């Protein structure tokens, strides 16, 4: 497949970088949202908030749908947006029946030799999705999660050479307990979703 340099992010809830951006301008990736939303608020409808794929080791950059159109053309951009929202809605409905909220997720796509759009990379894993237990969900608070947020939070306080890690290589060495707790969260998501 020829990878498309766009991460197709769909958000059903306001969290993470989306929450930060909303606080600044009541929008996420150019999508205007209602006033008065709080951290972890459910959005009226899932929104498509793409990101430009960064080089390995760099951070992806949130972009608008219009920037995606400029990068890959209107038809392909619309197809990716529509497929991504449909996938998110179907997955979120199934997960909710198992007591898990999928707050947001990302998909990656490529084109085959015939130019057909193909879903690629991992899909709906704790690495690409934000999973929250339904029973702990409260608007205004970051719920406990079954995803990589625990690891992200640890990295925010990690030290390299006696100083806070600045998110450039080398990364801090992960303690065994952080690895084990992250793995346990992933396993809990699997158990709850699969029964």
N, C-alpha and C. Protein backbone atom coordinates (compact mmCIF):
# COMPACT_ATOMS: atom_id res chain seq x y z
N UNK A 1 0.84 -1.20 0.00
CA UNK A 1 0.00 0.00 0.00
C UNK A 1 0.87 1.25 0.00
N UNK A 2 0.35 2.28 -0.63
CA UNK A 2 1.01 3.58 -0.55
C UNK A 2 0.35 4.34 0.60
N UNK A 3 1.07 4.55 1.71
CA UNK A 3 0.45 5.23 2.87
C UNK A 3 0.01 6.65 2.54
N UNK A 4 -1.13 7.03 3.10
CA UNK A 4 -1.63 8.40 2.98
C UNK A 4 -1.14 9.13 4.22
N UNK A 5 -0.49 10.28 4.07
CA UNK A 5 0.16 10.95 5.21
C UNK A 5 -0.80 11.71 6.13
N UNK A 6 -1.96 11.09 6.40
CA UNK A 6 -2.97 11.71 7.25
C UNK A 6 -3.42 10.69 8.28
N UNK A 7 -3.42 11.07 9.55
CA UNK A 7 -4.04 10.24 10.57
C UNK A 7 -5.49 10.68 10.65
N UNK A 8 -6.39 9.73 10.51
CA UNK A 8 -7.82 10.01 10.52
C UNK A 8 -8.32 9.85 11.95
N UNK A 9 -8.38 10.94 12.68
CA UNK A 9 -8.78 10.92 14.08
C UNK A 9 -10.27 11.27 14.17
N UNK A 10 -11.00 10.44 14.93
CA UNK A 10 -12.42 10.70 15.17
C UNK A 10 -12.60 10.82 16.68
N UNK A 11 -13.29 11.85 17.09
CA UNK A 11 -13.53 12.11 18.51
C UNK A 11 -15.03 12.10 18.79
N UNK A 12 -15.41 11.32 19.79
CA UNK A 12 -16.79 11.32 20.25
C UNK A 12 -16.91 12.08 21.56
N UNK A 13 -15.75 12.31 22.19
CA UNK A 13 -15.67 13.00 23.49
C UNK A 13 -14.51 13.98 23.41
N UNK A 14 -14.57 15.00 24.23
CA UNK A 14 -13.53 16.02 24.26
C UNK A 14 -12.47 15.62 25.27
N UNK A 15 -11.27 15.29 24.79
CA UNK A 15 -10.20 14.85 25.69
C UNK A 15 -8.84 15.12 25.04
N UNK A 16 -7.80 15.02 25.83
CA UNK A 16 -6.44 15.12 25.33
C UNK A 16 -6.17 16.44 24.62
N UNK A 17 -5.51 16.36 23.46
CA UNK A 17 -5.16 17.57 22.71
C UNK A 17 -6.41 18.30 22.22
N UNK A 18 -7.50 17.54 22.00
CA UNK A 18 -8.75 18.17 21.60
C UNK A 18 -9.30 19.09 22.68
N UNK A 19 -9.22 18.64 23.94
CA UNK A 19 -9.68 19.45 25.06
C UNK A 19 -8.82 20.71 25.18
N UNK A 20 -7.51 20.55 25.02
CA UNK A 20 -6.60 21.71 25.10
C UNK A 20 -6.92 22.73 24.01
N UNK A 21 -7.13 22.24 22.80
CA UNK A 21 -7.43 23.14 21.69
C UNK A 21 -8.79 23.83 21.88
N UNK A 22 -9.78 23.08 22.37
CA UNK A 22 -11.11 23.64 22.62
C UNK A 22 -11.03 24.78 23.63
N UNK A 23 -10.23 24.62 24.66
CA UNK A 23 -10.09 25.67 25.67
C UNK A 23 -9.55 26.96 25.07
N UNK A 24 -8.72 26.84 24.04
CA UNK A 24 -8.13 28.01 23.41
C UNK A 24 -9.10 28.72 22.47
N UNK A 25 -9.91 27.94 21.70
CA UNK A 25 -10.71 28.60 20.67
C UNK A 25 -12.07 27.97 20.38
N UNK A 26 -12.57 27.13 21.27
CA UNK A 26 -13.88 26.47 21.12
C UNK A 26 -14.00 25.68 19.82
N UNK A 27 -12.87 25.19 19.33
CA UNK A 27 -12.86 24.38 18.12
C UNK A 27 -11.76 23.33 18.25
N UNK A 28 -11.87 22.26 17.46
CA UNK A 28 -10.83 21.25 17.37
C UNK A 28 -10.56 21.01 15.89
N UNK A 29 -9.35 21.27 15.47
CA UNK A 29 -8.95 21.09 14.06
C UNK A 29 -9.90 21.82 13.11
N UNK A 30 -10.32 23.01 13.52
CA UNK A 30 -11.19 23.81 12.67
C UNK A 30 -12.67 23.49 12.81
N UNK A 31 -13.02 22.46 13.60
CA UNK A 31 -14.43 22.10 13.81
C UNK A 31 -14.93 22.89 15.01
N UNK A 32 -15.83 23.83 14.75
CA UNK A 32 -16.40 24.66 15.82
C UNK A 32 -17.31 23.80 16.68
N UNK A 33 -17.19 23.95 18.00
CA UNK A 33 -17.99 23.17 18.95
C UNK A 33 -18.82 24.10 19.82
N UNK A 34 -19.89 23.57 20.43
CA UNK A 34 -20.74 24.42 21.28
C UNK A 34 -19.96 24.97 22.48
N UNK A 35 -20.39 26.12 22.96
CA UNK A 35 -19.80 26.72 24.16
C UNK A 35 -20.17 25.88 25.38
N UNK A 36 -19.37 25.97 26.41
CA UNK A 36 -19.69 25.37 27.70
C UNK A 36 -19.33 23.91 27.86
N UNK A 37 -18.62 23.32 26.90
CA UNK A 37 -18.20 21.93 27.06
C UNK A 37 -17.10 21.84 28.12
N UNK A 38 -17.02 20.70 28.75
CA UNK A 38 -15.99 20.46 29.77
C UNK A 38 -15.08 19.33 29.31
N UNK A 39 -13.99 19.14 30.04
CA UNK A 39 -13.13 18.01 29.79
C UNK A 39 -13.96 16.74 29.86
N UNK A 40 -13.79 15.85 28.90
CA UNK A 40 -14.49 14.56 28.82
C UNK A 40 -15.96 14.68 28.41
N UNK A 41 -16.40 15.86 27.99
CA UNK A 41 -17.78 16.00 27.51
C UNK A 41 -18.01 15.15 26.28
N UNK A 42 -19.21 14.53 26.22
CA UNK A 42 -19.61 13.84 25.00
C UNK A 42 -19.99 14.90 23.98
N UNK A 43 -19.52 14.73 22.76
CA UNK A 43 -19.84 15.69 21.70
C UNK A 43 -21.22 15.38 21.12
N UNK A 44 -21.91 16.38 20.61
CA UNK A 44 -23.24 16.14 20.03
C UNK A 44 -23.20 15.07 18.94
N UNK A 45 -22.16 15.06 18.14
CA UNK A 45 -21.92 14.06 17.09
C UNK A 45 -20.41 13.86 17.02
N UNK A 46 -19.95 12.66 16.67
CA UNK A 46 -18.51 12.47 16.51
C UNK A 46 -17.96 13.43 15.44
N UNK A 47 -16.76 13.92 15.67
CA UNK A 47 -16.13 14.84 14.73
C UNK A 47 -14.84 14.24 14.17
N UNK A 48 -14.53 14.62 12.96
CA UNK A 48 -13.31 14.19 12.28
C UNK A 48 -12.25 15.27 12.47
N UNK A 49 -11.15 14.91 13.09
CA UNK A 49 -10.09 15.87 13.40
C UNK A 49 -8.75 15.31 12.96
N UNK A 50 -8.39 15.46 11.69
CA UNK A 50 -7.20 14.82 11.16
C UNK A 50 -5.90 15.39 11.72
N UNK A 51 -4.85 14.62 11.51
CA UNK A 51 -3.50 15.05 11.87
C UNK A 51 -2.57 14.70 10.71
N UNK A 52 -1.59 15.54 10.49
CA UNK A 52 -0.58 15.27 9.47
C UNK A 52 0.44 14.32 10.07
N UNK A 53 0.74 13.24 9.35
CA UNK A 53 1.71 12.25 9.81
C UNK A 53 3.09 12.87 9.85
N UNK A 54 3.74 12.73 10.99
CA UNK A 54 5.11 13.25 11.14
C UNK A 54 6.12 12.15 10.85
N UNK A 55 7.34 12.55 10.62
CA UNK A 55 8.42 11.58 10.45
C UNK A 55 8.61 10.82 11.77
N UNK A 56 9.21 9.63 11.67
CA UNK A 56 9.47 8.80 12.85
C UNK A 56 10.21 9.62 13.90
N UNK A 57 9.70 9.60 15.13
CA UNK A 57 10.33 10.33 16.22
C UNK A 57 9.79 11.74 16.40
N UNK A 58 9.02 12.23 15.43
CA UNK A 58 8.43 13.56 15.52
C UNK A 58 6.97 13.42 15.96
N UNK A 59 6.35 14.53 16.31
CA UNK A 59 4.96 14.52 16.76
C UNK A 59 4.03 14.89 15.61
N UNK A 60 2.92 14.14 15.48
CA UNK A 60 1.91 14.46 14.46
C UNK A 60 1.32 15.83 14.79
N UNK A 61 0.86 16.53 13.75
CA UNK A 61 0.31 17.87 13.93
C UNK A 61 -1.16 17.88 13.55
N UNK A 62 -2.01 18.35 14.46
CA UNK A 62 -3.43 18.49 14.15
C UNK A 62 -3.59 19.48 13.01
N UNK A 63 -4.47 19.11 12.06
CA UNK A 63 -4.74 19.97 10.90
C UNK A 63 -6.25 20.04 10.68
N UNK A 64 -6.67 20.91 9.80
CA UNK A 64 -8.10 21.02 9.48
C UNK A 64 -8.44 20.09 8.31
N UNK A 65 -9.72 19.87 8.12
CA UNK A 65 -10.17 19.09 6.97
C UNK A 65 -9.73 19.78 5.67
N UNK A 66 -9.80 21.10 5.65
CA UNK A 66 -9.41 21.85 4.46
C UNK A 66 -7.92 21.64 4.13
N UNK A 67 -7.09 21.53 5.15
CA UNK A 67 -5.67 21.24 4.90
C UNK A 67 -5.50 19.83 4.33
N UNK A 68 -6.34 18.90 4.80
CA UNK A 68 -6.30 17.54 4.25
C UNK A 68 -6.68 17.56 2.77
N UNK A 69 -7.70 18.33 2.43
CA UNK A 69 -8.12 18.46 1.03
C UNK A 69 -6.96 18.98 0.19
N UNK A 70 -6.23 19.98 0.70
CA UNK A 70 -5.10 20.53 -0.03
C UNK A 70 -3.99 19.49 -0.21
N UNK A 71 -3.85 18.58 0.76
CA UNK A 71 -2.80 17.57 0.70
C UNK A 71 -3.13 16.42 -0.25
N UNK A 72 -4.40 15.93 -0.20
CA UNK A 72 -4.72 14.69 -0.91
C UNK A 72 -5.91 14.79 -1.86
N UNK A 73 -6.52 15.95 -1.93
CA UNK A 73 -7.66 16.15 -2.84
C UNK A 73 -8.99 15.98 -2.14
N UNK A 74 -10.04 16.61 -2.67
CA UNK A 74 -11.34 16.62 -2.00
C UNK A 74 -12.03 15.26 -1.92
N UNK A 75 -11.96 14.47 -2.99
CA UNK A 75 -12.67 13.18 -2.99
C UNK A 75 -12.07 12.21 -1.98
N UNK A 76 -10.75 12.08 -2.00
CA UNK A 76 -10.09 11.16 -1.08
C UNK A 76 -10.22 11.63 0.36
N UNK A 77 -10.10 12.93 0.59
CA UNK A 77 -10.26 13.48 1.94
C UNK A 77 -11.66 13.20 2.48
N UNK A 78 -12.68 13.40 1.65
CA UNK A 78 -14.06 13.15 2.08
C UNK A 78 -14.30 11.66 2.33
N UNK A 79 -13.73 10.81 1.47
CA UNK A 79 -13.89 9.37 1.65
C UNK A 79 -13.26 8.92 2.98
N UNK A 80 -12.08 9.39 3.27
CA UNK A 80 -11.41 9.02 4.53
C UNK A 80 -12.22 9.51 5.72
N UNK A 81 -12.69 10.75 5.65
CA UNK A 81 -13.51 11.30 6.74
C UNK A 81 -14.77 10.47 6.97
N UNK A 82 -15.49 10.17 5.91
CA UNK A 82 -16.76 9.46 6.03
C UNK A 82 -16.57 8.03 6.51
N UNK A 83 -15.59 7.33 5.99
CA UNK A 83 -15.32 5.96 6.42
C UNK A 83 -14.88 5.95 7.89
N UNK A 84 -14.04 6.90 8.27
CA UNK A 84 -13.54 6.95 9.65
C UNK A 84 -14.67 7.18 10.65
N UNK A 85 -15.56 8.11 10.34
CA UNK A 85 -16.68 8.38 11.25
C UNK A 85 -17.59 7.15 11.34
N UNK A 86 -17.85 6.49 10.22
CA UNK A 86 -18.70 5.29 10.24
C UNK A 86 -18.05 4.17 11.06
N UNK A 87 -16.76 3.97 10.90
CA UNK A 87 -16.05 2.95 11.68
C UNK A 87 -16.11 3.27 13.17
N UNK A 88 -15.85 4.54 13.51
CA UNK A 88 -15.89 4.95 14.92
C UNK A 88 -17.28 4.71 15.51
N UNK A 89 -18.32 5.13 14.81
CA UNK A 89 -19.68 4.99 15.35
C UNK A 89 -20.02 3.51 15.60
N UNK A 90 -19.68 2.64 14.68
CA UNK A 90 -19.97 1.21 14.84
C UNK A 90 -19.19 0.64 16.02
N UNK A 91 -17.91 0.96 16.11
CA UNK A 91 -17.08 0.44 17.20
C UNK A 91 -17.52 1.00 18.54
N UNK A 92 -17.82 2.29 18.60
CA UNK A 92 -18.23 2.92 19.86
C UNK A 92 -19.53 2.31 20.38
N UNK A 93 -20.46 2.01 19.48
CA UNK A 93 -21.73 1.40 19.89
C UNK A 93 -21.49 0.00 20.46
N UNK A 94 -20.64 -0.79 19.80
CA UNK A 94 -20.35 -2.15 20.28
C UNK A 94 -19.63 -2.10 21.63
N UNK A 95 -18.65 -1.20 21.77
CA UNK A 95 -17.89 -1.11 23.01
C UNK A 95 -18.79 -0.66 24.17
N UNK A 96 -19.70 0.26 23.90
CA UNK A 96 -20.59 0.76 24.95
C UNK A 96 -21.44 -0.37 25.53
N UNK A 97 -21.82 -1.32 24.69
CA UNK A 97 -22.58 -2.48 25.17
C UNK A 97 -21.75 -3.34 26.12
N UNK A 98 -20.43 -3.20 26.06
CA UNK A 98 -19.52 -3.95 26.94
C UNK A 98 -19.04 -3.09 28.11
N UNK A 99 -19.60 -1.88 28.25
CA UNK A 99 -19.24 -1.02 29.36
C UNK A 99 -18.00 -0.18 29.14
N UNK A 100 -17.62 0.03 27.88
CA UNK A 100 -16.44 0.83 27.56
C UNK A 100 -16.83 1.95 26.62
N UNK A 101 -16.38 3.15 26.95
CA UNK A 101 -16.53 4.32 26.08
C UNK A 101 -15.27 4.43 25.24
N UNK A 102 -15.43 4.53 23.93
CA UNK A 102 -14.29 4.87 23.08
C UNK A 102 -14.37 6.38 22.87
N UNK A 103 -13.55 7.10 23.62
CA UNK A 103 -13.59 8.56 23.57
C UNK A 103 -13.13 9.08 22.22
N UNK A 104 -12.07 8.49 21.69
CA UNK A 104 -11.56 8.86 20.39
C UNK A 104 -10.70 7.74 19.84
N UNK A 105 -10.40 7.81 18.57
CA UNK A 105 -9.56 6.79 17.93
C UNK A 105 -8.93 7.38 16.69
N UNK A 106 -7.97 6.67 16.15
CA UNK A 106 -7.36 7.11 14.89
C UNK A 106 -7.22 5.92 13.96
N UNK A 107 -7.37 6.23 12.68
CA UNK A 107 -7.21 5.23 11.64
C UNK A 107 -6.15 5.73 10.66
N UNK A 108 -5.49 4.77 10.01
CA UNK A 108 -4.55 5.11 8.96
C UNK A 108 -4.96 4.34 7.71
N UNK A 109 -4.79 4.99 6.58
CA UNK A 109 -5.21 4.42 5.31
C UNK A 109 -4.07 4.46 4.30
N UNK A 110 -4.18 3.59 3.30
CA UNK A 110 -3.26 3.59 2.19
C UNK A 110 -4.04 3.33 0.91
N UNK A 111 -3.37 3.48 -0.21
CA UNK A 111 -3.98 3.19 -1.51
C UNK A 111 -3.29 1.97 -2.09
N UNK A 112 -4.10 1.03 -2.63
CA UNK A 112 -3.50 -0.13 -3.29
C UNK A 112 -3.09 0.27 -4.71
N UNK A 113 -2.56 -0.69 -5.46
CA UNK A 113 -2.06 -0.39 -6.81
C UNK A 113 -3.15 0.12 -7.75
N UNK A 114 -4.39 -0.24 -7.45
CA UNK A 114 -5.51 0.22 -8.28
C UNK A 114 -6.05 1.56 -7.80
N UNK A 115 -5.47 2.12 -6.73
CA UNK A 115 -5.93 3.40 -6.20
C UNK A 115 -7.10 3.29 -5.24
N UNK A 116 -7.40 2.06 -4.80
CA UNK A 116 -8.51 1.83 -3.86
C UNK A 116 -8.05 2.12 -2.43
N UNK A 117 -8.91 2.80 -1.67
CA UNK A 117 -8.62 3.12 -0.28
C UNK A 117 -8.68 1.85 0.57
N UNK A 118 -7.65 1.65 1.41
CA UNK A 118 -7.57 0.46 2.25
C UNK A 118 -7.19 0.89 3.67
N UNK A 119 -7.92 0.37 4.65
CA UNK A 119 -7.59 0.60 6.05
C UNK A 119 -6.33 -0.19 6.37
N UNK A 120 -5.36 0.45 7.02
CA UNK A 120 -4.11 -0.24 7.33
C UNK A 120 -3.66 0.11 8.74
N UNK A 121 -2.62 -0.53 9.21
CA UNK A 121 -2.07 -0.32 10.54
C UNK A 121 -3.00 -0.95 11.57
N UNK A 122 -2.69 -0.77 12.83
CA UNK A 122 -3.55 -1.33 13.86
C UNK A 122 -4.82 -0.50 13.97
N UNK A 123 -5.89 -1.15 14.41
CA UNK A 123 -7.20 -0.49 14.44
C UNK A 123 -7.86 -0.73 15.79
N UNK A 124 -8.33 0.33 16.43
CA UNK A 124 -9.11 0.27 17.66
C UNK A 124 -8.40 -0.48 18.78
N UNK A 125 -7.09 -0.27 18.90
CA UNK A 125 -6.33 -0.84 20.01
C UNK A 125 -6.14 0.23 21.08
N UNK A 126 -5.65 -0.15 22.26
CA UNK A 126 -5.36 0.86 23.27
C UNK A 126 -4.24 1.83 22.86
N UNK A 127 -3.50 1.51 21.80
CA UNK A 127 -2.49 2.44 21.30
C UNK A 127 -3.11 3.50 20.39
N UNK A 128 -4.22 3.17 19.75
CA UNK A 128 -4.81 4.10 18.79
C UNK A 128 -6.15 4.67 19.26
N UNK A 129 -6.60 4.25 20.44
CA UNK A 129 -7.91 4.68 20.94
C UNK A 129 -7.81 5.04 22.42
N UNK A 130 -8.72 5.89 22.84
CA UNK A 130 -8.82 6.25 24.26
C UNK A 130 -10.05 5.51 24.80
N UNK A 131 -9.83 4.51 25.65
CA UNK A 131 -10.89 3.69 26.24
C UNK A 131 -11.15 4.11 27.68
N UNK A 132 -12.42 4.36 28.00
CA UNK A 132 -12.81 4.71 29.36
C UNK A 132 -13.84 3.72 29.87
N UNK A 133 -13.75 3.30 31.15
CA UNK A 133 -14.81 2.46 31.70
C UNK A 133 -16.07 3.29 31.92
N UNK A 134 -17.19 2.80 31.43
CA UNK A 134 -18.45 3.53 31.52
C UNK A 134 -18.82 3.86 32.97
N UNK A 135 -18.59 2.92 33.88
CA UNK A 135 -19.00 3.12 35.26
C UNK A 135 -18.21 4.21 35.99
N UNK A 136 -17.06 4.61 35.45
CA UNK A 136 -16.23 5.65 36.09
C UNK A 136 -16.31 6.98 35.37
N UNK A 137 -17.12 7.06 34.31
CA UNK A 137 -17.17 8.26 33.50
C UNK A 137 -17.92 9.38 34.22
N UNK A 138 -17.26 10.53 34.32
CA UNK A 138 -17.85 11.74 34.90
C UNK A 138 -17.39 12.92 34.05
N UNK A 139 -18.33 13.71 33.56
CA UNK A 139 -17.97 14.90 32.79
C UNK A 139 -17.16 15.83 33.68
N UNK A 140 -16.10 16.40 33.10
CA UNK A 140 -15.26 17.33 33.84
C UNK A 140 -13.99 16.70 34.40
N UNK A 141 -13.90 15.38 34.33
CA UNK A 141 -12.73 14.69 34.89
C UNK A 141 -12.17 13.72 33.85
N UNK A 142 -10.86 13.51 33.91
CA UNK A 142 -10.26 12.47 33.09
C UNK A 142 -10.57 11.14 33.74
N UNK A 143 -11.39 10.30 33.10
CA UNK A 143 -11.69 9.01 33.70
C UNK A 143 -10.44 8.12 33.70
N UNK A 144 -10.41 7.11 34.57
CA UNK A 144 -9.34 6.13 34.43
C UNK A 144 -9.47 5.52 33.04
N UNK A 145 -8.38 5.07 32.48
CA UNK A 145 -8.47 4.59 31.10
C UNK A 145 -7.76 3.26 30.91
N UNK A 146 -8.16 2.57 29.84
CA UNK A 146 -7.56 1.30 29.45
C UNK A 146 -6.75 1.51 28.19
N UNK A 147 -5.84 2.45 28.22
CA UNK A 147 -5.07 2.77 27.03
C UNK A 147 -3.71 3.31 27.44
N UNK A 148 -3.02 3.95 26.51
CA UNK A 148 -1.66 4.40 26.79
C UNK A 148 -1.60 5.71 27.58
N UNK A 149 -2.74 6.24 28.04
CA UNK A 149 -2.72 7.49 28.79
C UNK A 149 -1.91 7.35 30.08
N UNK A 150 -1.98 6.19 30.73
CA UNK A 150 -1.19 5.96 31.94
C UNK A 150 0.30 6.16 31.63
N UNK A 151 0.76 5.59 30.53
CA UNK A 151 2.16 5.73 30.13
C UNK A 151 2.48 7.18 29.78
N UNK A 152 1.59 7.85 29.05
CA UNK A 152 1.80 9.27 28.73
C UNK A 152 1.95 10.10 30.01
N UNK A 153 1.06 9.85 30.98
CA UNK A 153 1.10 10.60 32.24
C UNK A 153 2.44 10.37 32.95
N UNK A 154 2.93 9.12 32.96
CA UNK A 154 4.21 8.82 33.60
C UNK A 154 5.33 9.58 32.88
N UNK A 155 5.30 9.59 31.55
CA UNK A 155 6.35 10.26 30.79
C UNK A 155 6.38 11.77 31.04
N UNK A 156 5.23 12.36 31.37
CA UNK A 156 5.18 13.80 31.67
C UNK A 156 6.02 14.15 32.90
N UNK A 157 6.22 13.20 33.80
CA UNK A 157 6.99 13.46 35.02
C UNK A 157 8.35 12.76 35.01
N UNK A 158 8.67 12.06 33.91
CA UNK A 158 9.92 11.29 33.82
C UNK A 158 11.14 12.21 33.79
N UNK A 159 12.23 11.69 34.27
CA UNK A 159 13.49 12.42 34.30
C UNK A 159 14.52 11.71 33.42
N UNK A 160 15.34 12.50 32.74
CA UNK A 160 16.49 11.98 32.00
C UNK A 160 17.68 12.82 32.40
N UNK A 161 18.67 12.17 32.97
CA UNK A 161 19.85 12.91 33.42
C UNK A 161 19.55 13.92 34.51
N UNK A 162 18.56 13.62 35.36
CA UNK A 162 18.22 14.51 36.47
C UNK A 162 17.34 15.69 36.08
N UNK A 163 16.90 15.75 34.80
CA UNK A 163 16.04 16.85 34.35
C UNK A 163 14.77 16.27 33.75
N UNK A 164 13.68 17.06 33.75
CA UNK A 164 12.45 16.57 33.10
C UNK A 164 12.73 16.24 31.63
N UNK A 165 12.15 15.12 31.17
CA UNK A 165 12.35 14.68 29.80
C UNK A 165 11.69 15.67 28.85
N UNK A 166 12.42 16.12 27.84
CA UNK A 166 11.91 17.12 26.88
C UNK A 166 11.32 16.50 25.62
N UNK A 167 11.04 15.20 25.66
CA UNK A 167 10.40 14.45 24.57
C UNK A 167 11.29 14.32 23.33
N UNK A 168 12.59 14.42 23.54
CA UNK A 168 13.54 14.14 22.46
C UNK A 168 14.36 12.92 22.87
N UNK A 169 14.87 12.15 21.89
CA UNK A 169 15.67 10.97 22.22
C UNK A 169 16.92 11.37 23.01
N UNK A 170 17.34 10.54 23.90
CA UNK A 170 16.79 9.22 24.23
C UNK A 170 15.61 9.34 25.21
N UNK A 171 14.68 8.42 25.06
CA UNK A 171 13.53 8.37 25.97
C UNK A 171 13.97 7.79 27.32
N UNK A 172 13.26 8.14 28.38
CA UNK A 172 13.60 7.55 29.68
C UNK A 172 13.34 6.05 29.68
N UNK A 173 14.11 5.34 30.45
CA UNK A 173 13.91 3.89 30.59
C UNK A 173 12.66 3.65 31.43
N UNK A 174 11.78 2.79 30.92
CA UNK A 174 10.53 2.51 31.63
C UNK A 174 10.78 1.54 32.78
N UNK A 175 10.32 1.89 33.97
CA UNK A 175 10.42 0.95 35.08
C UNK A 175 9.49 -0.25 34.85
N UNK A 176 9.85 -1.37 35.43
CA UNK A 176 9.08 -2.60 35.27
C UNK A 176 7.62 -2.40 35.68
N UNK A 177 7.39 -1.66 36.76
CA UNK A 177 6.01 -1.49 37.23
C UNK A 177 5.16 -0.67 36.25
N UNK A 178 5.77 0.27 35.53
CA UNK A 178 5.03 1.04 34.52
C UNK A 178 4.66 0.14 33.35
N UNK A 179 5.60 -0.70 32.93
CA UNK A 179 5.34 -1.66 31.85
C UNK A 179 4.22 -2.61 32.25
N UNK A 180 4.31 -3.15 33.46
CA UNK A 180 3.31 -4.12 33.93
C UNK A 180 1.93 -3.49 34.07
N UNK A 181 1.87 -2.26 34.59
CA UNK A 181 0.57 -1.60 34.77
C UNK A 181 -0.05 -1.25 33.42
N UNK A 182 0.78 -0.81 32.47
CA UNK A 182 0.27 -0.51 31.12
C UNK A 182 -0.27 -1.78 30.48
N UNK A 183 0.48 -2.87 30.58
CA UNK A 183 0.04 -4.15 30.01
C UNK A 183 -1.26 -4.62 30.66
N UNK A 184 -1.40 -4.41 31.97
CA UNK A 184 -2.62 -4.82 32.68
C UNK A 184 -3.82 -4.01 32.18
N UNK A 185 -3.63 -2.74 31.90
CA UNK A 185 -4.72 -1.92 31.38
C UNK A 185 -5.16 -2.40 29.99
N UNK A 186 -4.19 -2.75 29.15
CA UNK A 186 -4.51 -3.27 27.83
C UNK A 186 -5.26 -4.59 27.94
N UNK A 187 -4.82 -5.44 28.86
CA UNK A 187 -5.46 -6.73 29.06
C UNK A 187 -6.88 -6.55 29.57
N UNK A 188 -7.09 -5.59 30.46
CA UNK A 188 -8.44 -5.32 30.98
C UNK A 188 -9.38 -4.90 29.85
N UNK A 189 -8.88 -4.05 28.94
CA UNK A 189 -9.70 -3.65 27.79
C UNK A 189 -10.07 -4.86 26.95
N UNK A 190 -9.11 -5.72 26.68
CA UNK A 190 -9.35 -6.92 25.89
C UNK A 190 -10.40 -7.81 26.56
N UNK A 191 -10.23 -8.03 27.86
CA UNK A 191 -11.15 -8.89 28.60
C UNK A 191 -12.56 -8.33 28.58
N UNK A 192 -12.69 -7.03 28.80
CA UNK A 192 -14.03 -6.43 28.83
C UNK A 192 -14.68 -6.45 27.45
N UNK A 193 -13.91 -6.19 26.41
CA UNK A 193 -14.47 -6.15 25.06
C UNK A 193 -14.79 -7.53 24.51
N UNK A 194 -13.93 -8.50 24.82
CA UNK A 194 -14.10 -9.84 24.25
C UNK A 194 -14.86 -10.80 25.15
N UNK A 195 -14.99 -10.44 26.42
CA UNK A 195 -15.73 -11.30 27.37
C UNK A 195 -14.90 -12.42 27.94
